[in-house]
C-alpha atoms as a PDB file:
ATOM      1  CA  UNK A   1       0.000   0.000   0.000  1.00  0.00           C
ATOM      2  CA  UNK A   2       1.188   3.535  -0.764  1.00  0.00           C
ATOM      3  CA  UNK A   3       0.159   6.522   1.368  1.00  0.00           C
ATOM      4  CA  UNK A   4       0.517  10.152   0.286  1.00  0.00           C
ATOM      5  CA  UNK A   5       4.250  10.121   0.987  1.00  0.00           C
ATOM      6  CA  UNK A   6       5.370   6.588   1.810  1.00  0.00           C
ATOM      7  CA  UNK A   7       4.985   2.966   0.795  1.00  0.00           C
ATOM      8  CA  UNK A   8       3.892   0.566   3.511  1.00  0.00           C
ATOM      9  CA  UNK A   9       6.110  -2.521   3.639  1.00  0.00           C
ATOM     10  CA  UNK A  10       4.830  -3.989   6.915  1.00  0.00           C
ATOM     11  CA  UNK A  11       1.436  -4.952   5.502  1.00  0.00           C
ATOM     12  CA  UNK A  12       0.418  -7.142   8.445  1.00  0.00           C
ATOM     13  CA  UNK A  13       1.551  -4.421  10.849  1.00  0.00           C
ATOM     14  CA  UNK A  14      -0.436  -1.814   8.934  1.00  0.00           C
ATOM     15  CA  UNK A  15      -3.559  -3.972   8.983  1.00  0.00           C
ATOM     16  CA  UNK A  16      -3.182  -4.548  12.727  1.00  0.00           C
ATOM     17  CA  UNK A  17      -2.727  -0.823  13.310  1.00  0.00           C
ATOM     18  CA  UNK A  18      -5.920  -0.090  11.362  1.00  0.00           C
ATOM     19  CA  UNK A  19      -7.847  -2.817  13.195  1.00  0.00           C
ATOM     20  CA  UNK A  20      -6.585  -1.949  16.682  1.00  0.00           C
ATOM     21  CA  UNK A  21      -5.006  -5.395  17.116  1.00  0.00           C
ATOM     22  CA  UNK A  22      -1.502  -6.697  17.750  1.00  0.00           C
ATOM     23  CA  UNK A  23       0.639  -7.391  14.660  1.00  0.00           C
ATOM     24  CA  UNK A  24       2.399 -10.728  14.173  1.00  0.00           C
ATOM     25  CA  UNK A  25       6.030 -11.558  14.826  1.00  0.00           C
ATOM     26  CA  UNK A  26       7.852 -11.313  11.493  1.00  0.00           C
ATOM     27  CA  UNK A  27      11.293 -12.043  10.044  1.00  0.00           C
ATOM     28  CA  UNK A  28      12.079  -8.815   8.189  1.00  0.00           C
ATOM     29  CA  UNK A  29      15.424 -10.066   6.868  1.00  0.00           C
ATOM     30  CA  UNK A  30      17.359 -13.255   7.672  1.00  0.00           C
ATOM     31  CA  UNK A  31      18.201 -12.903  11.351  1.00  0.00           C
ATOM     32  CA  UNK A  32      16.194  -9.678  11.816  1.00  0.00           C
ATOM     33  CA  UNK A  33      12.862 -10.123  13.605  1.00  0.00           C
ATOM     34  CA  UNK A  34      10.127  -7.685  14.629  1.00  0.00           C
ATOM     35  CA  UNK A  35       8.400  -8.575  17.912  1.00  0.00           C
ATOM     36  CA  UNK A  36       5.459  -6.451  19.134  1.00  0.00           C
ATOM     37  CA  UNK A  37       5.299  -5.929  22.900  1.00  0.00           C
ATOM     38  CA  UNK A  38       2.062  -4.584  24.471  1.00  0.00           C
ATOM     39  CA  UNK A  39       2.077  -0.980  25.732  1.00  0.00           C
ATOM     40  CA  UNK A  40      -0.842  -1.123  28.204  1.00  0.00           C
ATOM     41  CA  UNK A  41      -3.299   1.733  28.648  1.00  0.00           C
ATOM     42  CA  UNK A  42      -1.749   3.797  25.867  1.00  0.00           C
ATOM     43  CA  UNK A  43      -3.106   4.622  22.403  1.00  0.00           C
ATOM     44  CA  UNK A  44       0.205   3.479  20.864  1.00  0.00           C
ATOM     45  CA  UNK A  45      -0.817  -0.064  21.983  1.00  0.00           C
ATOM     46  CA  UNK A  46       2.571  -1.688  21.399  1.00  0.00           C
ATOM     47  CA  UNK A  47       6.285  -1.114  20.984  1.00  0.00           C
ATOM     48  CA  UNK A  48       8.026  -3.066  18.235  1.00  0.00           C
ATOM     49  CA  UNK A  49      11.164  -4.739  19.571  1.00  0.00           C
ATOM     50  CA  UNK A  50      13.742  -5.915  17.036  1.00  0.00           C
ATOM     51  CA  UNK A  51      15.878  -9.010  17.422  1.00  0.00           C
ATOM     52  CA  UNK A  52      19.196  -8.767  15.542  1.00  0.00           C
ATOM     53  CA  UNK A  53      20.849 -12.190  15.487  1.00  0.00           C
ATOM     54  CA  UNK A  54      24.643 -12.294  15.266  1.00  0.00           C
ATOM     55  CA  UNK A  55      27.269 -15.030  15.592  1.00  0.00           C
ATOM     56  CA  UNK A  56      26.705 -16.686  18.963  1.00  0.00           C
ATOM     57  CA  UNK A  57      24.872 -13.672  20.333  1.00  0.00           C
ATOM     58  CA  UNK A  58      22.054 -11.272  19.590  1.00  0.00           C
ATOM     59  CA  UNK A  59      20.956  -7.719  20.244  1.00  0.00           C
ATOM     60  CA  UNK A  60      17.399  -6.858  21.200  1.00  0.00           C
ATOM     61  CA  UNK A  61      16.397  -3.286  20.365  1.00  0.00           C
ATOM     62  CA  UNK A  62      13.703  -1.501  22.418  1.00  0.00           C
ATOM     63  CA  UNK A  63      12.285  -4.459  24.375  1.00  0.00           C
ATOM     64  CA  UNK A  64       9.166  -2.558  25.470  1.00  0.00           C
ATOM     65  CA  UNK A  65       7.093  -1.590  28.493  1.00  0.00           C
ATOM     66  CA  UNK A  66       7.621  -3.747  31.584  1.00  0.00           C
ATOM     67  CA  UNK A  67       4.519  -5.816  32.334  1.00  0.00           C
ATOM     68  CA  UNK A  68       3.723  -9.486  32.817  1.00  0.00           C
ATOM     69  CA  UNK A  69       1.670  -9.416  29.616  1.00  0.00           C
ATOM     70  CA  UNK A  70       4.557  -7.838  27.760  1.00  0.00           C
ATOM     71  CA  UNK A  71       7.061 -10.315  29.156  1.00  0.00           C
ATOM     72  CA  UNK A  72       4.976 -13.249  27.937  1.00  0.00           C
ATOM     73  CA  UNK A  73       4.599 -11.626  24.504  1.00  0.00           C
ATOM     74  CA  UNK A  74       8.330 -10.974  24.273  1.00  0.00           C
ATOM     75  CA  UNK A  75       9.218 -14.555  25.256  1.00  0.00           C
ATOM     76  CA  UNK A  76       6.719 -15.919  22.742  1.00  0.00           C
ATOM     77  CA  UNK A  77       8.139 -13.693  20.028  1.00  0.00           C
ATOM     78  CA  UNK A  78      11.664 -14.821  20.780  1.00  0.00           C
ATOM     79  CA  UNK A  79      10.531 -18.461  20.629  1.00  0.00           C
ATOM     80  CA  UNK A  80       9.061 -17.832  17.179  1.00  0.00           C
ATOM     81  CA  UNK A  81      12.476 -16.491  16.154  1.00  0.00           C
ATOM     82  CA  UNK A  82      14.175 -19.593  17.609  1.00  0.00           C
ATOM     83  CA  UNK A  83      15.631 -17.757  20.609  1.00  0.00           C
ATOM     84  CA  UNK A  84      15.148 -17.332  24.354  1.00  0.00           C
ATOM     85  CA  UNK A  85      15.726 -14.401  26.725  1.00  0.00           C
ATOM     86  CA  UNK A  86      18.959 -16.030  27.873  1.00  0.00           C
ATOM     87  CA  UNK A  87      20.291 -15.859  24.293  1.00  0.00           C
ATOM     88  CA  UNK A  88      20.238 -12.059  24.262  1.00  0.00           C
ATOM     89  CA  UNK A  89      23.763 -10.627  24.438  1.00  0.00           C
ATOM     90  CA  UNK A  90      22.816  -6.967  24.576  1.00  0.00           C
ATOM     91  CA  UNK A  91      19.739  -4.781  24.971  1.00  0.00           C
ATOM     92  CA  UNK A  92      20.015  -1.627  22.863  1.00  0.00           C
ATOM     93  CA  UNK A  93      17.577   1.161  23.714  1.00  0.00           C
ATOM     94  CA  UNK A  94      16.986   4.034  21.308  1.00  0.00           C
ATOM     95  CA  UNK A  95      16.010   6.365  24.160  1.00  0.00           C
ATOM     96  CA  UNK A  96      15.221   6.481  27.843  1.00  0.00           C
ATOM     97  CA  UNK A  97      11.448   6.081  27.866  1.00  0.00           C
ATOM     98  CA  UNK A  98       9.797   3.209  29.764  1.00  0.00           C
ATOM     99  CA  UNK A  99       7.949   1.882  26.716  1.00  0.00           C
ATOM    100  CA  UNK A 100      11.364   1.230  25.169  1.00  0.00           C
ATOM    101  CA  UNK A 101      13.628   0.108  28.011  1.00  0.00           C
ATOM    102  CA  UNK A 102      11.158  -1.163  30.599  1.00  0.00           C
ATOM    103  CA  UNK A 103      11.801  -4.850  29.901  1.00  0.00           C
ATOM    104  CA  UNK A 104      15.587  -4.513  30.044  1.00  0.00           C
ATOM    105  CA  UNK A 105      15.765  -5.376  33.744  1.00  0.00           C
ATOM    106  CA  UNK A 106      13.978  -8.717  33.232  1.00  0.00           C
ATOM    107  CA  UNK A 107      16.231  -9.598  30.320  1.00  0.00           C
ATOM    108  CA  UNK A 108      19.357  -8.897  32.349  1.00  0.00           C
ATOM    109  CA  UNK A 109      17.984 -10.886  35.282  1.00  0.00           C
ATOM    110  CA  UNK A 110      17.587 -14.088  33.256  1.00  0.00           C
ATOM    111  CA  UNK A 111      20.743 -13.969  31.166  1.00  0.00           C
ATOM    112  CA  UNK A 112      23.986 -12.230  30.334  1.00  0.00           C
ATOM    113  CA  UNK A 113      22.717  -9.171  28.532  1.00  0.00           C
ATOM    114  CA  UNK A 114      24.189  -5.707  28.919  1.00  0.00           C
ATOM    115  CA  UNK A 115      22.075  -2.633  28.222  1.00  0.00           C
ATOM    116  CA  UNK A 116      23.230   0.264  26.040  1.00  0.00           C
ATOM    117  CA  UNK A 117      21.954   3.789  25.447  1.00  0.00           C
ATOM    118  CA  UNK A 118      23.196   6.631  23.298  1.00  0.00           C
ATOM    119  CA  UNK A 119      26.187   8.513  24.602  1.00  0.00           C
ATOM    120  CA  UNK A 120      24.255  11.648  25.501  1.00  0.00           C
ATOM    121  CA  UNK A 121      20.969  10.246  26.793  1.00  0.00           C
ATOM    122  CA  UNK A 122      20.409  11.479  30.386  1.00  0.00           C
ATOM    123  CA  UNK A 123      19.455   8.977  33.091  1.00  0.00           C
ATOM    124  CA  UNK A 124      18.169   9.679  36.621  1.00  0.00           C
ATOM    125  CA  UNK A 125      21.477   8.801  38.324  1.00  0.00           C
ATOM    126  CA  UNK A 126      22.957  11.868  36.612  1.00  0.00           C
ATOM    127  CA  UNK A 127      20.393  14.202  38.135  1.00  0.00           C
ATOM    128  CA  UNK A 128      21.589  16.002  41.244  1.00  0.00           C
ATOM    129  CA  UNK A 129      18.197  16.992  42.630  1.00  0.00           C
ATOM    130  CA  UNK A 130      16.845  14.950  45.517  1.00  0.00           C
ATOM    131  CA  UNK A 131      13.224  13.857  45.398  1.00  0.00           C
ATOM    132  CA  UNK A 132      11.906  16.773  47.440  1.00  0.00           C
ATOM    133  CA  UNK A 133      13.953  19.319  45.506  1.00  0.00           C
ATOM    134  CA  UNK A 134      12.891  17.780  42.208  1.00  0.00           C
ATOM    135  CA  UNK A 135       9.187  17.930  43.023  1.00  0.00           C
ATOM    136  CA  UNK A 136       9.460  21.522  44.272  1.00  0.00           C
ATOM    137  CA  UNK A 137      11.374  22.682  41.194  1.00  0.00           C
ATOM    138  CA  UNK A 138       8.965  20.886  38.861  1.00  0.00           C
ATOM    139  CA  UNK A 139       6.075  22.704  40.511  1.00  0.00           C
ATOM    140  CA  UNK A 140       7.951  26.007  40.256  1.00  0.00           C
ATOM    141  CA  UNK A 141       8.572  25.465  36.543  1.00  0.00           C
ATOM    142  CA  UNK A 142       4.949  24.870  35.625  1.00  0.00           C
ATOM    143  CA  UNK A 143       3.815  27.695  37.874  1.00  0.00           C
ATOM    144  CA  UNK A 144       6.201  30.012  36.007  1.00  0.00           C
ATOM    145  CA  UNK A 145       4.814  28.671  32.732  1.00  0.00           C
ATOM    146  CA  UNK A 146       1.437  30.078  33.768  1.00  0.00           C
ATOM    147  CA  UNK A 147      -0.428  26.864  34.578  1.00  0.00           C
ATOM    148  CA  UNK A 148      -3.538  27.735  36.634  1.00  0.00           C
ATOM    149  CA  UNK A 149      -3.429  26.607  40.254  1.00  0.00           C
ATOM    150  CA  UNK A 150      -6.293  24.172  39.667  1.00  0.00           C
ATOM    151  CA  UNK A 151      -4.243  22.345  36.999  1.00  0.00           C
ATOM    152  CA  UNK A 152      -0.856  22.239  38.719  1.00  0.00           C
ATOM    153  CA  UNK A 153      -1.458  18.979  40.559  1.00  0.00           C
ATOM    154  CA  UNK A 154      -2.428  17.303  37.281  1.00  0.00           C
ATOM    155  CA  UNK A 155       0.654  18.306  35.290  1.00  0.00           C
ATOM    156  CA  UNK A 156       3.460  18.164  37.869  1.00  0.00           C
ATOM    157  CA  UNK A 157       5.306  15.101  39.128  1.00  0.00           C
ATOM    158  CA  UNK A 158       4.739  13.706  42.599  1.00  0.00           C
ATOM    159  CA  UNK A 159       7.356  11.951  44.724  1.00  0.00           C
ATOM    160  CA  UNK A 160       6.155   8.442  43.840  1.00  0.00           C
ATOM    161  CA  UNK A 161       6.445   9.207  40.111  1.00  0.00           C
ATOM    162  CA  UNK A 162      10.009  10.449  40.523  1.00  0.00           C
ATOM    163  CA  UNK A 163      10.843   7.349  42.584  1.00  0.00           C
ATOM    164  CA  UNK A 164       9.505   5.167  39.745  1.00  0.00           C
ATOM    165  CA  UNK A 165      11.784   6.918  37.257  1.00  0.00           C
ATOM    166  CA  UNK A 166      14.752   6.433  39.543  1.00  0.00           C
ATOM    167  CA  UNK A 167      13.958   2.703  39.692  1.00  0.00           C
ATOM    168  CA  UNK A 168      14.258   2.114  35.937  1.00  0.00           C
ATOM    169  CA  UNK A 169      17.277   0.111  34.777  1.00  0.00           C
ATOM    170  CA  UNK A 170      20.374   2.056  33.738  1.00  0.00           C
ATOM    171  CA  UNK A 171      22.919   1.155  31.047  1.00  0.00           C
ATOM    172  CA  UNK A 172      26.299  -0.540  31.307  1.00  0.00           C
ATOM    173  CA  UNK A 173      27.314   0.759  27.870  1.00  0.00           C
ATOM    174  CA  UNK A 174      27.128   4.113  26.123  1.00  0.00           C
ATOM    175  CA  UNK A 175      27.100   4.198  22.332  1.00  0.00           C
ATOM    176  CA  UNK A 176      28.593   7.256  20.589  1.00  0.00           C
ATOM    177  CA  UNK A 177      27.603   8.395  17.127  1.00  0.00           C
ATOM    178  CA  UNK A 178      29.123   6.073  14.520  1.00  0.00           C
ATOM    179  CA  UNK A 179      29.789   3.197  16.924  1.00  0.00           C
ATOM    180  CA  UNK A 180      29.152  -0.395  15.850  1.00  0.00           C
ATOM    181  CA  UNK A 181      26.975  -2.554  18.083  1.00  0.00           C
ATOM    182  CA  UNK A 182      29.368  -4.812  20.034  1.00  0.00           C
ATOM    183  CA  UNK A 183      27.795  -8.101  18.919  1.00  0.00           C
ATOM    184  CA  UNK A 184      29.827 -10.490  16.771  1.00  0.00           C
ATOM    185  CA  UNK A 185      28.417 -10.920  13.293  1.00  0.00           C
ATOM    186  CA  UNK A 186      26.443  -7.669  13.264  1.00  0.00           C
ATOM    187  CA  UNK A 187      27.358  -4.644  11.175  1.00  0.00           C
ATOM    188  CA  UNK A 188      24.924  -2.174  12.694  1.00  0.00           C
ATOM    189  CA  UNK A 189      26.020   1.396  13.309  1.00  0.00           C
ATOM    190  CA  UNK A 190      24.697   4.088  15.670  1.00  0.00           C
ATOM    191  CA  UNK A 191      23.331   7.332  14.248  1.00  0.00           C
ATOM    192  CA  UNK A 192      22.825  10.030  16.898  1.00  0.00           C
ATOM    193  CA  UNK A 193      19.445  11.750  16.442  1.00  0.00           C
ATOM    194  CA  UNK A 194      18.696  14.074  19.388  1.00  0.00           C
ATOM    195  CA  UNK A 195      15.309  15.765  19.455  1.00  0.00           C
ATOM    196  CA  UNK A 196      12.596  13.475  20.790  1.00  0.00           C
ATOM    197  CA  UNK A 197      15.001  12.986  23.689  1.00  0.00           C
ATOM    198  CA  UNK A 198      18.457  14.534  24.195  1.00  0.00           C
ATOM    199  CA  UNK A 199      20.349  11.351  23.335  1.00  0.00           C
ATOM    200  CA  UNK A 200      18.005   9.467  20.998  1.00  0.00           C
ATOM    201  CA  UNK A 201      19.764   7.137  18.552  1.00  0.00           C
ATOM    202  CA  UNK A 202      18.814   5.338  15.361  1.00  0.00           C
ATOM    203  CA  UNK A 203      20.535   2.166  14.126  1.00  0.00           C
ATOM    204  CA  UNK A 204      21.698   1.671  10.538  1.00  0.00           C
ATOM    205  CA  UNK A 205      22.041  -1.867   9.187  1.00  0.00           C
ATOM    206  CA  UNK A 206      23.723  -1.114   5.865  1.00  0.00           C
ATOM    207  CA  UNK A 207      24.061  -4.751   4.811  1.00  0.00           C
ATOM    208  CA  UNK A 208      20.318  -5.332   5.112  1.00  0.00           C
ATOM    209  CA  UNK A 209      19.379  -1.821   3.905  1.00  0.00           C
ATOM    210  CA  UNK A 210      17.457  -1.139   7.107  1.00  0.00           C
ATOM    211  CA  UNK A 211      17.267   1.754   9.533  1.00  0.00           C
ATOM    212  CA  UNK A 212      15.737   1.314  12.989  1.00  0.00           C
ATOM    213  CA  UNK A 213      14.351   4.726  13.898  1.00  0.00           C
ATOM    214  CA  UNK A 214      12.939   4.326  17.412  1.00  0.00           C
ATOM    215  CA  UNK A 215      10.570   7.278  17.865  1.00  0.00           C
ATOM    216  CA  UNK A 216      12.605   9.683  15.709  1.00  0.00           C
ATOM    217  CA  UNK A 217      10.700   8.903  12.495  1.00  0.00           C
ATOM    218  CA  UNK A 218       7.312   7.165  12.595  1.00  0.00           C
ATOM    219  CA  UNK A 219       5.146   6.618   9.511  1.00  0.00           C
ATOM    220  CA  UNK A 220       2.059   8.534  10.667  1.00  0.00           C
ATOM    221  CA  UNK A 221       2.631  10.211  14.041  1.00  0.00           C
ATOM    222  CA  UNK A 222       4.825  13.231  14.727  1.00  0.00           C
ATOM    223  CA  UNK A 223       7.217  12.502  17.621  1.00  0.00           C
ATOM    224  CA  UNK A 224       6.869  14.675  20.680  1.00  0.00           C
ATOM    225  CA  UNK A 225       9.733  17.174  21.079  1.00  0.00           C
ATOM    226  CA  UNK A 226       9.755  18.888  24.457  1.00  0.00           C
ATOM    227  CA  UNK A 227      11.864  21.246  26.513  1.00  0.00           C
ATOM    228  CA  UNK A 228      13.282  18.988  29.213  1.00  0.00           C
ATOM    229  CA  UNK A 229      14.904  20.286  32.384  1.00  0.00           C
ATOM    230  CA  UNK A 230      17.688  17.732  32.011  1.00  0.00           C
ATOM    231  CA  UNK A 231      17.871  18.058  28.237  1.00  0.00           C
ATOM    232  CA  UNK A 232      19.531  20.181  25.603  1.00  0.00           C
ATOM    233  CA  UNK A 233      18.869  23.877  25.198  1.00  0.00           C
ATOM    234  CA  UNK A 234      17.032  23.799  21.866  1.00  0.00           C
ATOM    235  CA  UNK A 235      15.336  20.446  21.183  1.00  0.00           C
ATOM    236  CA  UNK A 236      13.366  21.598  18.124  1.00  0.00           C
ATOM    237  CA  UNK A 237      16.579  22.750  16.430  1.00  0.00           C
ATOM    238  CA  UNK A 238      18.153  19.423  17.397  1.00  0.00           C
ATOM    239  CA  UNK A 239      15.221  17.513  15.931  1.00  0.00           C
ATOM    240  CA  UNK A 240      15.332  19.399  12.641  1.00  0.00           C
ATOM    241  CA  UNK A 241      19.085  18.823  12.346  1.00  0.00           C
ATOM    242  CA  UNK A 242      18.609  15.125  13.145  1.00  0.00           C
ATOM    243  CA  UNK A 243      16.006  14.817  10.410  1.00  0.00           C
ATOM    244  CA  UNK A 244      18.636  16.028   7.956  1.00  0.00           C
ATOM    245  CA  UNK A 245      20.877  13.152   9.062  1.00  0.00           C
ATOM    246  CA  UNK A 246      18.319  10.684   7.709  1.00  0.00           C
ATOM    247  CA  UNK A 247      19.686  11.354   4.208  1.00  0.00           C
ATOM    248  CA  UNK A 248      22.303   8.692   4.936  1.00  0.00           C
ATOM    249  CA  UNK A 249      19.526   6.070   4.850  1.00  0.00           C
ATOM    250  CA  UNK A 250      17.370   7.574   2.101  1.00  0.00           C
ATOM    251  CA  UNK A 251      16.803   4.325   0.200  1.00  0.00           C
ATOM    252  CA  UNK A 252      16.500   2.025   3.209  1.00  0.00           C
ATOM    253  CA  UNK A 253      13.410   0.365   4.655  1.00  0.00           C
ATOM    254  CA  UNK A 254      12.355   2.052   7.895  1.00  0.00           C
ATOM    255  CA  UNK A 255      11.771  -0.043  11.013  1.00  0.00           C
ATOM    256  CA  UNK A 256      10.114   2.257  13.590  1.00  0.00           C
ATOM    257  CA  UNK A 257       9.354   1.410  17.212  1.00  0.00           C
ATOM    258  CA  UNK A 258       5.622   1.996  16.716  1.00  0.00           C
ATOM    259  CA  UNK A 259       3.021   1.539  13.975  1.00  0.00           C
ATOM    260  CA  UNK A 260       4.489  -0.216  10.880  1.00  0.00           C
ATOM    261  CA  UNK A 261       7.428  -0.564   8.474  1.00  0.00           C
ATOM    262  CA  UNK A 262       7.639   1.612   5.380  1.00  0.00           C
ATOM    263  CA  UNK A 263       9.780   3.009   2.588  1.00  0.00           C
ATOM    264  CA  UNK A 264      10.013   6.598   1.450  1.00  0.00           C
ATOM    265  CA  UNK A 265      12.167   8.038   4.209  1.00  0.00           C
ATOM    266  CA  UNK A 266      13.058  11.301   2.386  1.00  0.00           C
ATOM    267  CA  UNK A 267       9.386  12.128   1.811  1.00  0.00           C
ATOM    268  CA  UNK A 268       8.473  11.347   5.410  1.00  0.00           C
ATOM    269  CA  UNK A 269      11.383  13.433   6.686  1.00  0.00           C
ATOM    270  CA  UNK A 270      10.245  16.363   4.533  1.00  0.00           C
ATOM    271  CA  UNK A 271       6.732  15.972   5.911  1.00  0.00           C
ATOM    272  CA  UNK A 272       7.956  15.936   9.521  1.00  0.00           C
ATOM    273  CA  UNK A 273      10.146  18.970   8.935  1.00  0.00           C
ATOM    274  CA  UNK A 274       7.253  20.840   7.326  1.00  0.00           C
ATOM    275  CA  UNK A 275       4.906  19.977  10.180  1.00  0.00           C
ATOM    276  CA  UNK A 276       7.456  21.040  12.812  1.00  0.00           C
ATOM    277  CA  UNK A 277       8.093  24.384  11.134  1.00  0.00           C
ATOM    278  CA  UNK A 278       4.367  24.968  10.658  1.00  0.00           C
ATOM    279  CA  UNK A 279       3.947  24.467  14.384  1.00  0.00           C
ATOM    280  CA  UNK A 280       6.609  27.054  15.074  1.00  0.00           C
ATOM    281  CA  UNK A 281       4.897  29.474  12.699  1.00  0.00           C
ATOM    282  CA  UNK A 282       1.621  28.910  14.523  1.00  0.00           C
ATOM    283  CA  UNK A 283       3.336  29.778  17.800  1.00  0.00           C
ATOM    284  CA  UNK A 284       4.909  32.828  16.157  1.00  0.00           C
ATOM    285  CA  UNK A 285       1.482  33.978  15.002  1.00  0.00           C
ATOM    286  CA  UNK A 286       0.119  33.827  18.537  1.00  0.00           C
ATOM    287  CA  UNK A 287       3.082  35.830  19.784  1.00  0.00           C
ATOM    288  CA  UNK A 288       2.512  38.461  17.097  1.00  0.00           C
ATOM    289  CA  UNK A 289      -1.111  38.807  18.142  1.00  0.00           C
ATOM    290  CA  UNK A 290       0.188  40.026  21.494  1.00  0.00           C
ATOM    291  CA  UNK A 291      -2.316  38.332  23.806  1.00  0.00           C
ATOM    292  CA  UNK A 292      -0.089  35.487  25.075  1.00  0.00           C
ATOM    293  CA  UNK A 293       1.959  36.184  28.196  1.00  0.00           C
ATOM    294  CA  UNK A 294       2.876  32.678  29.346  1.00  0.00           C
ATOM    295  CA  UNK A 295       3.589  29.206  27.974  1.00  0.00           C
ATOM    296  CA  UNK A 296       0.071  28.266  29.080  1.00  0.00           C
ATOM    297  CA  UNK A 297      -1.442  31.107  27.066  1.00  0.00           C
ATOM    298  CA  UNK A 298       0.387  30.008  23.936  1.00  0.00           C
ATOM    299  CA  UNK A 299      -0.473  26.327  24.353  1.00  0.00           C
ATOM    300  CA  UNK A 300      -4.122  27.156  24.896  1.00  0.00           C
ATOM    301  CA  UNK A 301      -4.219  29.040  21.602  1.00  0.00           C
ATOM    302  CA  UNK A 302      -2.614  26.305  19.490  1.00  0.00           C
ATOM    303  CA  UNK A 303      -4.376  23.702  17.372  1.00  0.00           C
ATOM    304  CA  UNK A 304      -4.535  20.266  19.022  1.00  0.00           C
ATOM    305  CA  UNK A 305      -5.953  17.161  17.362  1.00  0.00           C
ATOM    306  CA  UNK A 306      -8.815  16.862  19.876  1.00  0.00           C
ATOM    307  CA  UNK A 307      -8.752  20.413  21.201  1.00  0.00           C
ATOM    308  CA  UNK A 308      -6.813  21.898  24.096  1.00  0.00           C
ATOM    309  CA  UNK A 309      -9.665  21.143  26.489  1.00  0.00           C
ATOM    310  CA  UNK A 310      -9.260  17.411  25.847  1.00  0.00           C
ATOM    311  CA  UNK A 311      -5.700  17.370  27.204  1.00  0.00           C
ATOM    312  CA  UNK A 312      -5.452  15.813  30.646  1.00  0.00           C
ATOM    313  CA  UNK A 313      -2.661  15.210  33.111  1.00  0.00           C
ATOM    314  CA  UNK A 314       0.374  13.798  31.289  1.00  0.00           C
ATOM    315  CA  UNK A 315      -0.840  14.740  27.813  1.00  0.00           C
ATOM    316  CA  UNK A 316      -1.339  18.293  29.055  1.00  0.00           C
ATOM    317  CA  UNK A 317       2.166  18.258  30.530  1.00  0.00           C
ATOM    318  CA  UNK A 318       3.586  17.126  27.184  1.00  0.00           C
ATOM    319  CA  UNK A 319       1.657  19.806  25.329  1.00  0.00           C
ATOM    320  CA  UNK A 320       3.095  22.522  27.554  1.00  0.00           C
ATOM    321  CA  UNK A 321       6.646  21.171  27.217  1.00  0.00           C
ATOM    322  CA  UNK A 322       6.253  21.025  23.439  1.00  0.00           C
ATOM    323  CA  UNK A 323       5.005  24.603  23.369  1.00  0.00           C
ATOM    324  CA  UNK A 324       7.993  25.711  25.458  1.00  0.00           C
ATOM    325  CA  UNK A 325      10.369  24.007  23.021  1.00  0.00           C
ATOM    326  CA  UNK A 326       8.959  26.017  20.106  1.00  0.00           C
ATOM    327  CA  UNK A 327       9.285  29.272  22.034  1.00  0.00           C
ATOM    328  CA  UNK A 328      12.970  28.501  22.638  1.00  0.00           C
ATOM    329  CA  UNK A 329      13.449  27.612  18.962  1.00  0.00           C
ATOM    330  CA  UNK A 330      11.805  30.801  17.738  1.00  0.00           C
ATOM    331  CA  UNK A 331      13.975  32.915  20.023  1.00  0.00           C
ATOM    332  CA  UNK A 332      17.054  31.157  18.582  1.00  0.00           C
ATOM    333  CA  UNK A 333      15.847  32.143  15.092  1.00  0.00           C
ATOM    334  CA  UNK A 334      15.685  35.814  16.015  1.00  0.00           C
ATOM    335  CA  UNK A 335      11.929  36.007  16.600  1.00  0.00           C
ATOM    336  CA  UNK A 336      11.032  38.362  19.479  1.00  0.00           C
ATOM    337  CA  UNK A 337       9.845  36.156  22.342  1.00  0.00           C
ATOM    338  CA  UNK A 338       8.956  38.110  25.476  1.00  0.00           C
ATOM    339  CA  UNK A 339       7.720  35.031  27.349  1.00  0.00           C
ATOM    340  CA  UNK A 340      10.053  33.614  29.990  1.00  0.00           C
ATOM    341  CA  UNK A 341      10.605  29.865  29.648  1.00  0.00           C
ATOM    342  CA  UNK A 342      12.413  28.727  32.809  1.00  0.00           C
ATOM    343  CA  UNK A 343      13.282  25.086  33.356  1.00  0.00           C
ATOM    344  CA  UNK A 344      12.949  23.264  36.670  1.00  0.00           C
ATOM    345  CA  UNK A 345      14.903  20.483  38.321  1.00  0.00           C
ATOM    346  CA  UNK A 346      16.719  17.910  36.154  1.00  0.00           C
ATOM    347  CA  UNK A 347      14.327  15.271  34.873  1.00  0.00           C
ATOM    348  CA  UNK A 348      11.269  17.481  34.861  1.00  0.00           C
ATOM    349  CA  UNK A 349       9.737  16.150  31.649  1.00  0.00           C
ATOM    350  CA  UNK A 350      10.976  12.570  31.581  1.00  0.00           C
ATOM    351  CA  UNK A 351       8.112  10.146  31.115  1.00  0.00           C
ATOM    352  CA  UNK A 352       6.301   7.541  29.092  1.00  0.00           C
ATOM    353  CA  UNK A 353       5.066   9.693  26.241  1.00  0.00           C
ATOM    354  CA  UNK A 354       6.197   8.535  22.846  1.00  0.00           C
ATOM    355  CA  UNK A 355       4.614  10.772  20.280  1.00  0.00           C
ATOM    356  CA  UNK A 356       1.726  13.070  19.545  1.00  0.00           C
ATOM    357  CA  UNK A 357      -0.884  12.939  16.827  1.00  0.00           C
ATOM    358  CA  UNK A 358      -0.543  15.274  13.890  1.00  0.00           C
END
């Protein structure tokens, strides 16, 4: 099937996405398997883990959200591929979100697997703020962003949420841009793509003409790009620059972490760039109108797929952080931005969000 800009190659995945069901386990290339892992209580429904079989070892990319249901699905998928959790040599995670790395702890507990993240992806052990300081600074940030008092409890982190983040598994290995995965028999190289998170990575399998894009490029959904307290200074600029890096894989099949496989990467990249810049222009228009005084004011005036009033709790938090990222980007482009965009304690926008609808 061909969409307006891309050609679907994961036909069973596409059908499952349309039907609201789970896609099958599939061998994409010899020794390369896609394994869907349930993402409970989330409209994304599943994360697609990828098994890359090498010589006497294997890498598992983005093993998915940690749940008993997910663990059973992952084990069943590995069995279909002729493998077991104990056969996994390394767990490679494109970015530090729980729907991508959540299962890493179970995999390490049953075997010999190390876990790897991109060189510049922040993890909670790097954050200096204690729990109380973190919660207070997070509250201060969203207060400064103009969130009404009645909404602050919904959008800010509580101590138990911060404790949950601190409990997520952390990596033994860091993978710099251009590094090869350290698994014998694999020729898969890291491509640094900051934007969705500060240290997001894609993986390029040149021999198989594949690129594993995590959440950086999805076939239908625009990845969320937010201003994170522990992140880089200008995530929208980072994301746009990272999209340009996709030219290195222009003719490759795209294996994303959600939805379905496709071809037509240059067209999809152009579409994502256009959408991102249109969003910035929408923000700029609100600034020019002169009525917005806070991040909240701007976010409330933007177009959202189901309307601003439909945003609740974490989705509202993500919307505000996205809005803040565009304000920072516009200021970097010389647009007058009189709205202050302070950032709180490190880790203030870490979470489980993967992407937002267009």
